[in-house]
Structure formats: C-alpha cells, structure tokens
Amino acid sequence: MGLEVTLCPGGSGFDNVSCLFPYIPVLMKGFMPPVLGMKDHGDVLLWHEGYVKTYLERDLRELSQVESLVDFRKVMQTLALRTANILNQADVAKESGFSHPTTHRYIKLLEISNIIQRVPGYFRNRGRRVTKSPKLHFIDPALSIFLSGYFDETSLSRSRELGSYFETMVYLHIRALCEMMKPRASLHYWRTVTGREVDIVLEHGKKLLAIEVKLTERPTVRDIQSLLIFMEEYPEAVRGVLVHSGTEIKWLHTKVLAVPWWWLDR
C-alpha cells in the first residue's frame, strides 16, 4: 500500500510539520492508486477535488435520485469529521439539518458506493454491557481529511480529529490484510458502556487479534489497559498490538507488542 516516511534533515531545530509528524503527509496523500506517484501536494488536492465531483455528479446519479447534491455533500462532510467514531445517525441528522430518513438514505448510499464502511461492535460476553452501534470509517484517510476542509499540513496537525484520521489509516491497512487472508478475516471494534475500548478486533476463525491505535510517540503500559481487559475477558485473543505514531518496536506486556505506524507496511 506504500507508507512513505519523510526523512528529516540532520541537526536540531526541525521547522516543518513533515519532520515533526512524518505521518501527516502520508495521511494527506492517502492511498488511492492515482495519487501514489504524485509529488506535488497541489496535484493531490486537485485529484481529490475531481474525485468527489465525479462521484457526486456521475456515480451517485447512477445509484439513486438525490434531490440536492449540495445537501448530500453536507452529510458527507459531516461524516468525514466523524471517521473512526461510533456512528450516531441522530447526531448526523441534527448537525446536517436534515430529517432522519433523508440522513439514513444518504448514509446508506455512501456505504453502498464504498465511500464509508461500518464496523460492527464485538460482543460475546453476556456479562459485559457493550456498545453495539457500528463504528464509521472512510475508505481512505485523505478523502475524509479533504472533505473535512484540511488542505495543508499545519491545519491538519492542529486538528482535534487528527487521532481519528490516524486510526482510519491503520484500519485501512488492517482491512487490506484481512482481504488477503484465506479465508478472509472480519473486523470489529469493542467498547464498553463505561468507556473501555479496543479500536480494532480482527477475528479469524476461533482466534482474535486486538489492536489499539494511539497517537503517541512514547507508548506505555497505561496505553494498553483496555487491551489487557479485553484479552482477559476473551482468552481466544492470541495477541494485543498497539500501533503508535513513534518509531519504537517494544513489548509492553508478555502478550502486547507496540509497533510504529510505518511497520504496517513491512
């Protein structure tokens, strides 16, 4: 899929976002095949603008009659800011200013046309109250970033949604891994009503892999408490993985390995 790590110049005093946060340009470019070879960020922005326009004006009209493309795009932008979050259609309808049936239909269209994906909650333990509403992910982090209105690295680095975009990037790579497995693995997330959450649960047969995503350069044992609780409740979880924004690969527990984001492409 191609995770390109930006190399910073030697010495101290890094003065650009790419050096401080090497995952930022990766997030902004995304992983759509046409943009992978592009070097100029302006070209990447133009491509995403054309992609959205083509989707709205051509593909969407073939799928369904949409009364207003402007209204549909507003729903799409509202959802883009919610990537990697639990999908609450009532909140989306309220913020977009549309009726629940209209919002539901628009979300369904985005799902059918593979712009977004719903990830179901994982639950087997009847003794634990967990969230069953689906989690939302865009098919590409750069698309959600573009629709959210972040067009440069500085504004993205300061955004409150940065961790969600980072998680969507990780989800995309884990999903690609699942597609290559035989038989294919399924993806879930796990969240209790008290707020304990595992971002990604990979299920393959009778085995589980629990994955937590943290936007931190120095992961510690405190970052894996939810993973440990999940693995205690589900012994079939063979391993826990913490994907972080730093550079270190290290064991945080006998069953939990911390790996950097770029390691996903190895």
C-alpha atoms as a PDB file:
ATOM      1  CA  MET A   1       0.000   0.000   0.000  1.00  0.00           C
ATOM      2  CA  GLY A   2       3.018   2.227   0.460  1.00  0.00           C
ATOM      3  CA  LEU A   3       3.709   4.087   3.705  1.00  0.00           C
ATOM      4  CA  GLU A   4       6.390   6.625   2.831  1.00  0.00           C
ATOM      5  CA  VAL A   5       8.270   8.009   5.833  1.00  0.00           C
ATOM      6  CA  THR A   6       9.589  11.561   5.433  1.00  0.00           C
ATOM      7  CA  LEU A   7      13.272  11.830   6.314  1.00  0.00           C
ATOM      8  CA  CYS A   8      14.189  14.986   8.234  1.00  0.00           C
ATOM      9  CA  PRO A   9      17.444  16.890   7.690  1.00  0.00           C
ATOM     10  CA  GLY A  10      20.230  16.421  10.203  1.00  0.00           C
ATOM     11  CA  GLY A  11      20.763  18.653  13.182  1.00  0.00           C
ATOM     12  CA  SER A  12      18.282  20.182  15.536  1.00  0.00           C
ATOM     13  CA  GLY A  13      15.558  22.738  15.026  1.00  0.00           C
ATOM     14  CA  PHE A  14      13.156  20.997  12.685  1.00  0.00           C
ATOM     15  CA  ASP A  15      10.840  23.720  11.424  1.00  0.00           C
ATOM     16  CA  ASN A  16       8.300  21.863   9.325  1.00  0.00           C
ATOM     17  CA  VAL A  17       5.347  19.656  10.081  1.00  0.00           C
ATOM     18  CA  SER A  18       6.614  16.733   7.997  1.00  0.00           C
ATOM     19  CA  CYS A  19       9.695  16.381  10.191  1.00  0.00           C
ATOM     20  CA  LEU A  20       7.828  16.665  13.465  1.00  0.00           C
ATOM     21  CA  PHE A  21       4.934  14.459  12.355  1.00  0.00           C
ATOM     22  CA  PRO A  22       6.057  12.243   9.448  1.00  0.00           C
ATOM     23  CA  TYR A  23       2.652  10.570   9.218  1.00  0.00           C
ATOM     24  CA  ILE A  24       0.958  13.887   8.325  1.00  0.00           C
ATOM     25  CA  PRO A  25       1.945  13.934   4.611  1.00  0.00           C
ATOM     26  CA  VAL A  26       1.011  10.246   4.381  1.00  0.00           C
ATOM     27  CA  LEU A  27      -2.443  10.982   5.742  1.00  0.00           C
ATOM     28  CA  MET A  28      -2.926  13.921   3.371  1.00  0.00           C
ATOM     29  CA  LYS A  29      -1.896  11.992   0.275  1.00  0.00           C
ATOM     30  CA  GLY A  30      -3.812   8.843   1.116  1.00  0.00           C
ATOM     31  CA  PHE A  31      -3.715   5.550  -0.720  1.00  0.00           C
ATOM     32  CA  MET A  32      -5.806   5.923  -3.846  1.00  0.00           C
ATOM     33  CA  PRO A  33      -3.715   4.402  -6.680  1.00  0.00           C
ATOM     34  CA  PRO A  34      -3.681   7.542  -8.903  1.00  0.00           C
ATOM     35  CA  VAL A  35      -2.125   9.729  -6.190  1.00  0.00           C
ATOM     36  CA  LEU A  36       0.616   7.369  -5.019  1.00  0.00           C
ATOM     37  CA  GLY A  37       3.093   8.634  -7.595  1.00  0.00           C
ATOM     38  CA  MET A  38       2.265  12.323  -7.156  1.00  0.00           C
ATOM     39  CA  LYS A  39       4.937  14.534  -5.598  1.00  0.00           C
ATOM     40  CA  ASP A  40       3.164  17.893  -5.594  1.00  0.00           C
ATOM     41  CA  HIS A  41       0.569  18.385  -2.868  1.00  0.00           C
ATOM     42  CA  GLY A  42      -1.428  20.690  -5.119  1.00  0.00           C
ATOM     43  CA  ASP A  43      -1.871  17.853  -7.595  1.00  0.00           C
ATOM     44  CA  VAL A  44      -3.124  15.601  -4.791  1.00  0.00           C
ATOM     45  CA  LEU A  45      -5.700  18.211  -3.759  1.00  0.00           C
ATOM     46  CA  LEU A  46      -6.881  18.635  -7.356  1.00  0.00           C
ATOM     47  CA  TRP A  47      -7.250  14.886  -7.734  1.00  0.00           C
ATOM     48  CA  HIS A  48      -9.374  14.579  -4.596  1.00  0.00           C
ATOM     49  CA  GLU A  49     -11.488  17.523  -5.708  1.00  0.00           C
ATOM     50  CA  GLY A  50     -12.079  15.828  -9.051  1.00  0.00           C
ATOM     51  CA  TYR A  51     -12.785  12.502  -7.365  1.00  0.00           C
ATOM     52  CA  VAL A  52     -15.508  13.982  -5.173  1.00  0.00           C
ATOM     53  CA  LYS A  53     -17.010  15.902  -8.090  1.00  0.00           C
ATOM     54  CA  THR A  54     -17.061  12.815 -10.321  1.00  0.00           C
ATOM     55  CA  TYR A  55     -18.597  10.742  -7.554  1.00  0.00           C
ATOM     56  CA  LEU A  56     -21.321  13.304  -6.899  1.00  0.00           C
ATOM     57  CA  GLU A  57     -22.151  14.215 -10.474  1.00  0.00           C
ATOM     58  CA  ARG A  58     -21.828  10.852 -12.192  1.00  0.00           C
ATOM     59  CA  ASP A  59     -21.636   7.798  -9.960  1.00  0.00           C
ATOM     60  CA  LEU A  60     -24.175   8.956  -7.397  1.00  0.00           C
ATOM     61  CA  ARG A  61     -26.800   9.810 -10.021  1.00  0.00           C
ATOM     62  CA  GLU A  62     -26.482   6.284 -11.385  1.00  0.00           C
ATOM     63  CA  LEU A  63     -27.109   4.822  -7.929  1.00  0.00           C
ATOM     64  CA  SER A  64     -30.060   6.895  -6.800  1.00  0.00           C
ATOM     65  CA  GLN A  65     -32.018  10.074  -7.230  1.00  0.00           C
ATOM     66  CA  VAL A  66     -30.653  12.697  -4.845  1.00  0.00           C
ATOM     67  CA  GLU A  67     -32.743  15.833  -4.614  1.00  0.00           C
ATOM     68  CA  SER A  68     -29.807  18.130  -3.796  1.00  0.00           C
ATOM     69  CA  LEU A  69     -26.132  17.376  -4.336  1.00  0.00           C
ATOM     70  CA  VAL A  70     -25.309  20.279  -2.015  1.00  0.00           C
ATOM     71  CA  ASP A  71     -27.288  18.649   0.798  1.00  0.00           C
ATOM     72  CA  PHE A  72     -25.736  15.265   0.118  1.00  0.00           C
ATOM     73  CA  ARG A  73     -22.246  16.753   0.235  1.00  0.00           C
ATOM     74  CA  LYS A  74     -23.065  18.388   3.578  1.00  0.00           C
ATOM     75  CA  VAL A  75     -23.900  14.975   5.032  1.00  0.00           C
ATOM     76  CA  MET A  76     -20.704  13.574   3.539  1.00  0.00           C
ATOM     77  CA  GLN A  77     -18.654  16.369   5.131  1.00  0.00           C
ATOM     78  CA  THR A  78     -20.366  15.858   8.481  1.00  0.00           C
ATOM     79  CA  LEU A  79     -19.480  12.175   8.377  1.00  0.00           C
ATOM     80  CA  ALA A  80     -15.895  12.911   7.324  1.00  0.00           C
ATOM     81  CA  LEU A  81     -15.325  14.674  10.637  1.00  0.00           C
ATOM     82  CA  ARG A  82     -16.614  11.549  12.388  1.00  0.00           C
ATOM     83  CA  THR A  83     -14.410   8.917  10.781  1.00  0.00           C
ATOM     84  CA  ALA A  84     -13.168   6.334  13.331  1.00  0.00           C
ATOM     85  CA  ASN A  85     -16.064   7.223  15.639  1.00  0.00           C
ATOM     86  CA  ILE A  86     -19.252   5.425  16.593  1.00  0.00           C
ATOM     87  CA  LEU A  87     -21.969   6.274  14.092  1.00  0.00           C
ATOM     88  CA  ASN A  88     -24.917   8.118  15.620  1.00  0.00           C
ATOM     89  CA  GLN A  89     -27.320   8.877  12.798  1.00  0.00           C
ATOM     90  CA  ALA A  90     -29.453  11.143  15.015  1.00  0.00           C
ATOM     91  CA  ASP A  91     -26.453  13.396  15.680  1.00  0.00           C
ATOM     92  CA  VAL A  92     -25.536  13.454  11.991  1.00  0.00           C
ATOM     93  CA  ALA A  93     -29.108  14.415  11.065  1.00  0.00           C
ATOM     94  CA  LYS A  94     -29.167  17.158  13.689  1.00  0.00           C
ATOM     95  CA  GLU A  95     -25.858  18.679  12.639  1.00  0.00           C
ATOM     96  CA  SER A  96     -26.637  18.402   8.925  1.00  0.00           C
ATOM     97  CA  GLY A  97     -30.126  19.841   9.372  1.00  0.00           C
ATOM     98  CA  PHE A  98     -31.947  17.050   7.541  1.00  0.00           C
ATOM     99  CA  SER A  99     -34.640  14.579   8.509  1.00  0.00           C
ATOM    100  CA  HIS A 100     -33.673  11.174   9.913  1.00  0.00           C
ATOM    101  CA  PRO A 101     -34.997   9.268   6.845  1.00  0.00           C
ATOM    102  CA  THR A 102     -33.028  11.512   4.455  1.00  0.00           C
ATOM    103  CA  THR A 103     -29.853  11.210   6.514  1.00  0.00           C
ATOM    104  CA  HIS A 104     -30.284   7.433   6.753  1.00  0.00           C
ATOM    105  CA  ARG A 105     -30.704   7.174   2.965  1.00  0.00           C
ATOM    106  CA  TYR A 106     -27.647   9.322   2.288  1.00  0.00           C
ATOM    107  CA  ILE A 107     -25.509   7.287   4.681  1.00  0.00           C
ATOM    108  CA  LYS A 108     -26.706   4.093   3.025  1.00  0.00           C
ATOM    109  CA  LEU A 109     -25.728   5.482  -0.386  1.00  0.00           C
ATOM    110  CA  LEU A 110     -22.244   6.302   0.867  1.00  0.00           C
ATOM    111  CA  GLU A 111     -21.933   2.775   2.178  1.00  0.00           C
ATOM    112  CA  ILE A 112     -23.242   1.108  -0.986  1.00  0.00           C
ATOM    113  CA  SER A 113     -20.842   3.152  -3.120  1.00  0.00           C
ATOM    114  CA  ASN A 114     -17.930   2.168  -0.840  1.00  0.00           C
ATOM    115  CA  ILE A 115     -17.106   5.661   0.395  1.00  0.00           C
ATOM    116  CA  ILE A 116     -17.647   4.669   4.019  1.00  0.00           C
ATOM    117  CA  GLN A 117     -17.717   1.398   5.918  1.00  0.00           C
ATOM    118  CA  ARG A 118     -19.496   0.417   9.104  1.00  0.00           C
ATOM    119  CA  VAL A 119     -17.543  -1.704  11.561  1.00  0.00           C
ATOM    120  CA  PRO A 120     -19.778  -3.724  13.914  1.00  0.00           C
ATOM    121  CA  GLY A 121     -19.251  -3.895  17.643  1.00  0.00           C
ATOM    122  CA  TYR A 122     -17.830  -7.117  19.033  1.00  0.00           C
ATOM    123  CA  PHE A 123     -19.794  -8.839  21.767  1.00  0.00           C
ATOM    124  CA  ARG A 124     -19.908 -12.384  23.061  1.00  0.00           C
ATOM    125  CA  ASN A 125     -19.632 -11.935  26.793  1.00  0.00           C
ATOM    126  CA  ARG A 126     -23.205 -11.535  28.039  1.00  0.00           C
ATOM    127  CA  GLY A 127     -21.979 -10.369  31.414  1.00  0.00           C
ATOM    128  CA  ARG A 128     -20.483  -7.164  29.974  1.00  0.00           C
ATOM    129  CA  ARG A 129     -22.590  -4.314  28.610  1.00  0.00           C
ATOM    130  CA  VAL A 130     -21.027  -3.154  25.369  1.00  0.00           C
ATOM    131  CA  THR A 131     -21.827  -0.699  22.614  1.00  0.00           C
ATOM    132  CA  LYS A 132     -23.468  -2.368  19.623  1.00  0.00           C
ATOM    133  CA  SER A 133     -23.812   0.660  17.330  1.00  0.00           C
ATOM    134  CA  PRO A 134     -21.415   0.458  14.359  1.00  0.00           C
ATOM    135  CA  LYS A 135     -18.229   2.441  14.036  1.00  0.00           C
ATOM    136  CA  LEU A 136     -17.665   4.540  10.915  1.00  0.00           C
ATOM    137  CA  HIS A 137     -14.549   4.567   8.738  1.00  0.00           C
ATOM    138  CA  PHE A 138     -13.946   6.315   5.437  1.00  0.00           C
ATOM    139  CA  ILE A 139     -12.301   4.180   2.769  1.00  0.00           C
ATOM    140  CA  ASP A 140      -9.252   6.479   2.751  1.00  0.00           C
ATOM    141  CA  PRO A 141      -7.981   8.937   5.383  1.00  0.00           C
ATOM    142  CA  ALA A 142      -7.080  11.558   2.779  1.00  0.00           C
ATOM    143  CA  LEU A 143     -10.631  11.618   1.448  1.00  0.00           C
ATOM    144  CA  SER A 144     -12.082  12.287   4.903  1.00  0.00           C
ATOM    145  CA  ILE A 145      -9.395  14.923   5.540  1.00  0.00           C
ATOM    146  CA  PHE A 146     -10.165  16.662   2.244  1.00  0.00           C
ATOM    147  CA  LEU A 147     -13.907  16.647   2.883  1.00  0.00           C
ATOM    148  CA  SER A 148     -13.287  17.981   6.396  1.00  0.00           C
ATOM    149  CA  GLY A 149     -11.590  21.054   4.914  1.00  0.00           C
ATOM    150  CA  TYR A 150      -7.995  20.463   5.996  1.00  0.00           C
ATOM    151  CA  PHE A 151      -5.915  21.328   2.945  1.00  0.00           C
ATOM    152  CA  ASP A 152      -2.461  21.888   4.460  1.00  0.00           C
ATOM    153  CA  GLU A 153      -0.215  20.067   6.906  1.00  0.00           C
ATOM    154  CA  THR A 154      -0.233  22.773   9.583  1.00  0.00           C
ATOM    155  CA  SER A 155      -4.014  22.921   9.920  1.00  0.00           C
ATOM    156  CA  LEU A 156      -4.239  19.126   9.943  1.00  0.00           C
ATOM    157  CA  SER A 157      -1.559  18.809  12.638  1.00  0.00           C
ATOM    158  CA  ARG A 158      -3.612  21.137  14.865  1.00  0.00           C
ATOM    159  CA  SER A 159      -6.966  19.489  14.201  1.00  0.00           C
ATOM    160  CA  ARG A 160      -8.852  17.787  17.001  1.00  0.00           C
ATOM    161  CA  GLU A 161      -9.722  14.938  14.616  1.00  0.00           C
ATOM    162  CA  LEU A 162      -6.089  14.038  13.866  1.00  0.00           C
ATOM    163  CA  GLY A 163      -6.180  10.904  16.014  1.00  0.00           C
ATOM    164  CA  SER A 164      -9.286   9.705  14.174  1.00  0.00           C
ATOM    165  CA  TYR A 165      -7.665  10.171  10.762  1.00  0.00           C
ATOM    166  CA  PHE A 166      -4.619   8.298  12.053  1.00  0.00           C
ATOM    167  CA  GLU A 167      -6.847   5.439  13.207  1.00  0.00           C
ATOM    168  CA  THR A 168      -8.598   5.319   9.822  1.00  0.00           C
ATOM    169  CA  MET A 169      -5.196   4.917   8.149  1.00  0.00           C
ATOM    170  CA  VAL A 170      -4.395   1.980  10.427  1.00  0.00           C
ATOM    171  CA  TYR A 171      -7.833   0.474   9.841  1.00  0.00           C
ATOM    172  CA  LEU A 172      -7.307   0.667   6.073  1.00  0.00           C
ATOM    173  CA  HIS A 173      -4.105  -1.352   6.308  1.00  0.00           C
ATOM    174  CA  ILE A 174      -5.588  -3.932   8.673  1.00  0.00           C
ATOM    175  CA  ARG A 175      -8.562  -4.268   6.324  1.00  0.00           C
ATOM    176  CA  ALA A 176      -6.192  -4.900   3.408  1.00  0.00           C
ATOM    177  CA  LEU A 177      -4.510  -7.625   5.473  1.00  0.00           C
ATOM    178  CA  CYS A 178      -7.893  -9.233   6.142  1.00  0.00           C
ATOM    179  CA  GLU A 179      -8.676  -9.265   2.421  1.00  0.00           C
ATOM    180  CA  MET A 180      -5.523 -11.284   1.754  1.00  0.00           C
ATOM    181  CA  MET A 181      -6.163 -13.897   4.450  1.00  0.00           C
ATOM    182  CA  LYS A 182      -7.730 -17.239   3.488  1.00  0.00           C
ATOM    183  CA  PRO A 183     -10.486 -17.353   4.461  1.00  0.00           C
ATOM    184  CA  ARG A 184     -10.917 -13.627   4.933  1.00  0.00           C
ATOM    185  CA  ALA A 185     -10.861 -12.292   8.458  1.00  0.00           C
ATOM    186  CA  SER A 186     -13.590  -9.997   9.784  1.00  0.00           C
ATOM    187  CA  LEU A 187     -13.137  -6.710  11.616  1.00  0.00           C
ATOM    188  CA  HIS A 188     -14.946  -5.343  14.648  1.00  0.00           C
ATOM    189  CA  TYR A 189     -14.353  -2.891  17.451  1.00  0.00           C
ATOM    190  CA  TRP A 190     -15.091  -3.286  21.166  1.00  0.00           C
ATOM    191  CA  ARG A 191     -16.372  -0.639  23.555  1.00  0.00           C
ATOM    192  CA  THR A 192     -17.993  -0.999  26.969  1.00  0.00           C
ATOM    193  CA  VAL A 193     -20.619   1.371  28.321  1.00  0.00           C
ATOM    194  CA  THR A 194     -18.001   2.572  30.818  1.00  0.00           C
ATOM    195  CA  GLY A 195     -15.718   3.744  28.003  1.00  0.00           C
ATOM    196  CA  ARG A 196     -13.179   0.934  27.713  1.00  0.00           C
ATOM    197  CA  GLU A 197     -12.420   0.472  24.018  1.00  0.00           C
ATOM    198  CA  VAL A 198     -10.323  -1.615  21.639  1.00  0.00           C
ATOM    199  CA  ASP A 199     -10.175   0.144  18.289  1.00  0.00           C
ATOM    200  CA  ILE A 200      -9.939  -2.928  16.055  1.00  0.00           C
ATOM    201  CA  VAL A 201     -10.717  -6.581  16.760  1.00  0.00           C
ATOM    202  CA  LEU A 202      -9.589  -8.925  13.994  1.00  0.00           C
ATOM    203  CA  GLU A 203     -11.493 -12.212  14.045  1.00  0.00           C
ATOM    204  CA  HIS A 204     -10.189 -15.206  12.096  1.00  0.00           C
ATOM    205  CA  GLY A 205     -11.896 -18.475  12.883  1.00  0.00           C
ATOM    206  CA  LYS A 206     -11.693 -19.017  16.628  1.00  0.00           C
ATOM    207  CA  LYS A 207      -8.811 -16.592  17.119  1.00  0.00           C
ATOM    208  CA  LEU A 208      -8.819 -12.852  17.836  1.00  0.00           C
ATOM    209  CA  LEU A 209      -6.201 -10.136  17.447  1.00  0.00           C
ATOM    210  CA  ALA A 210      -6.859  -6.997  19.489  1.00  0.00           C
ATOM    211  CA  ILE A 211      -5.454  -3.745  18.097  1.00  0.00           C
ATOM    212  CA  GLU A 212      -5.306  -0.354  19.786  1.00  0.00           C
ATOM    213  CA  VAL A 213      -4.301   2.827  17.927  1.00  0.00           C
ATOM    214  CA  LYS A 214      -2.670   5.690  19.829  1.00  0.00           C
ATOM    215  CA  LEU A 215      -1.351   8.994  18.555  1.00  0.00           C
ATOM    216  CA  THR A 216       1.647   8.944  20.859  1.00  0.00           C
ATOM    217  CA  GLU A 217       5.378   8.718  20.211  1.00  0.00           C
ATOM    218  CA  ARG A 218       6.150   7.044  23.545  1.00  0.00           C
ATOM    219  CA  PRO A 219       3.626   4.303  24.326  1.00  0.00           C
ATOM    220  CA  THR A 220       3.475   3.000  27.873  1.00  0.00           C
ATOM    221  CA  VAL A 221       1.622   0.306  29.789  1.00  0.00           C
ATOM    222  CA  ARG A 222      -1.087   2.863  30.579  1.00  0.00           C
ATOM    223  CA  ASP A 223      -1.991   2.912  26.876  1.00  0.00           C
ATOM    224  CA  ILE A 224      -2.870  -0.795  26.801  1.00  0.00           C
ATOM    225  CA  GLN A 225      -5.214  -1.138  29.779  1.00  0.00           C
ATOM    226  CA  SER A 226      -8.255  -1.705  27.544  1.00  0.00           C
ATOM    227  CA  LEU A 227      -6.330  -4.296  25.537  1.00  0.00           C
ATOM    228  CA  LEU A 228      -5.465  -6.191  28.718  1.00  0.00           C
ATOM    229  CA  ILE A 229      -9.068  -6.127  29.931  1.00  0.00           C
ATOM    230  CA  PHE A 230     -10.304  -7.368  26.547  1.00  0.00           C
ATOM    231  CA  MET A 231      -7.774 -10.207  26.430  1.00  0.00           C
ATOM    232  CA  GLU A 232      -8.683 -11.264  29.958  1.00  0.00           C
ATOM    233  CA  GLU A 233     -12.351 -11.474  29.011  1.00  0.00           C
ATOM    234  CA  TYR A 234     -11.641 -13.162  25.671  1.00  0.00           C
ATOM    235  CA  PRO A 235      -8.860 -15.783  26.061  1.00  0.00           C
ATOM    236  CA  GLU A 236      -9.129 -16.512  22.349  1.00  0.00           C
ATOM    237  CA  ALA A 237      -7.313 -13.212  21.776  1.00  0.00           C
ATOM    238  CA  VAL A 238      -3.861 -14.537  20.927  1.00  0.00           C
ATOM    239  CA  ARG A 239      -2.120 -11.168  20.922  1.00  0.00           C
ATOM    240  CA  GLY A 240      -2.594  -7.465  21.523  1.00  0.00           C
ATOM    241  CA  VAL A 241      -0.973  -4.841  19.292  1.00  0.00           C
ATOM    242  CA  LEU A 242      -0.583  -1.144  19.982  1.00  0.00           C
ATOM    243  CA  VAL A 243       0.007   0.897  16.819  1.00  0.00           C
ATOM    244  CA  HIS A 244       1.536   4.280  17.682  1.00  0.00           C
ATOM    245  CA  SER A 245       2.985   7.356  15.977  1.00  0.00           C
ATOM    246  CA  GLY A 246       6.543   6.897  17.242  1.00  0.00           C
ATOM    247  CA  THR A 247       9.465   4.805  15.976  1.00  0.00           C
ATOM    248  CA  GLU A 248       9.990   2.115  18.610  1.00  0.00           C
ATOM    249  CA  ILE A 249       9.081  -1.571  18.495  1.00  0.00           C
ATOM    250  CA  LYS A 250       8.820  -2.982  22.002  1.00  0.00           C
ATOM    251  CA  TRP A 251       6.888  -5.362  24.219  1.00  0.00           C
ATOM    252  CA  LEU A 252       4.636  -3.573  26.707  1.00  0.00           C
ATOM    253  CA  HIS A 253       3.329  -6.866  28.112  1.00  0.00           C
ATOM    254  CA  THR A 254       4.005 -10.543  27.509  1.00  0.00           C
ATOM    255  CA  LYS A 255       1.096 -10.532  25.043  1.00  0.00           C
ATOM    256  CA  VAL A 256       1.093  -6.914  23.810  1.00  0.00           C
ATOM    257  CA  LEU A 257       3.535  -5.587  21.231  1.00  0.00           C
ATOM    258  CA  ALA A 258       3.849  -1.869  20.451  1.00  0.00           C
ATOM    259  CA  VAL A 259       4.707  -1.125  16.811  1.00  0.00           C
ATOM    260  CA  PRO A 260       5.112   2.146  14.857  1.00  0.00           C
ATOM    261  CA  TRP A 261       2.604   3.074  12.172  1.00  0.00           C
ATOM    262  CA  TRP A 262       5.049   2.527   9.288  1.00  0.00           C
ATOM    263  CA  TRP A 263       5.612  -1.058  10.437  1.00  0.00           C
ATOM    264  CA  LEU A 264       2.195  -1.950   8.997  1.00  0.00           C
ATOM    265  CA  ASP A 265       3.672  -1.855   5.508  1.00  0.00           C
ATOM    266  CA  ARG A 266       6.536  -4.231   6.297  1.00  0.00           C
END
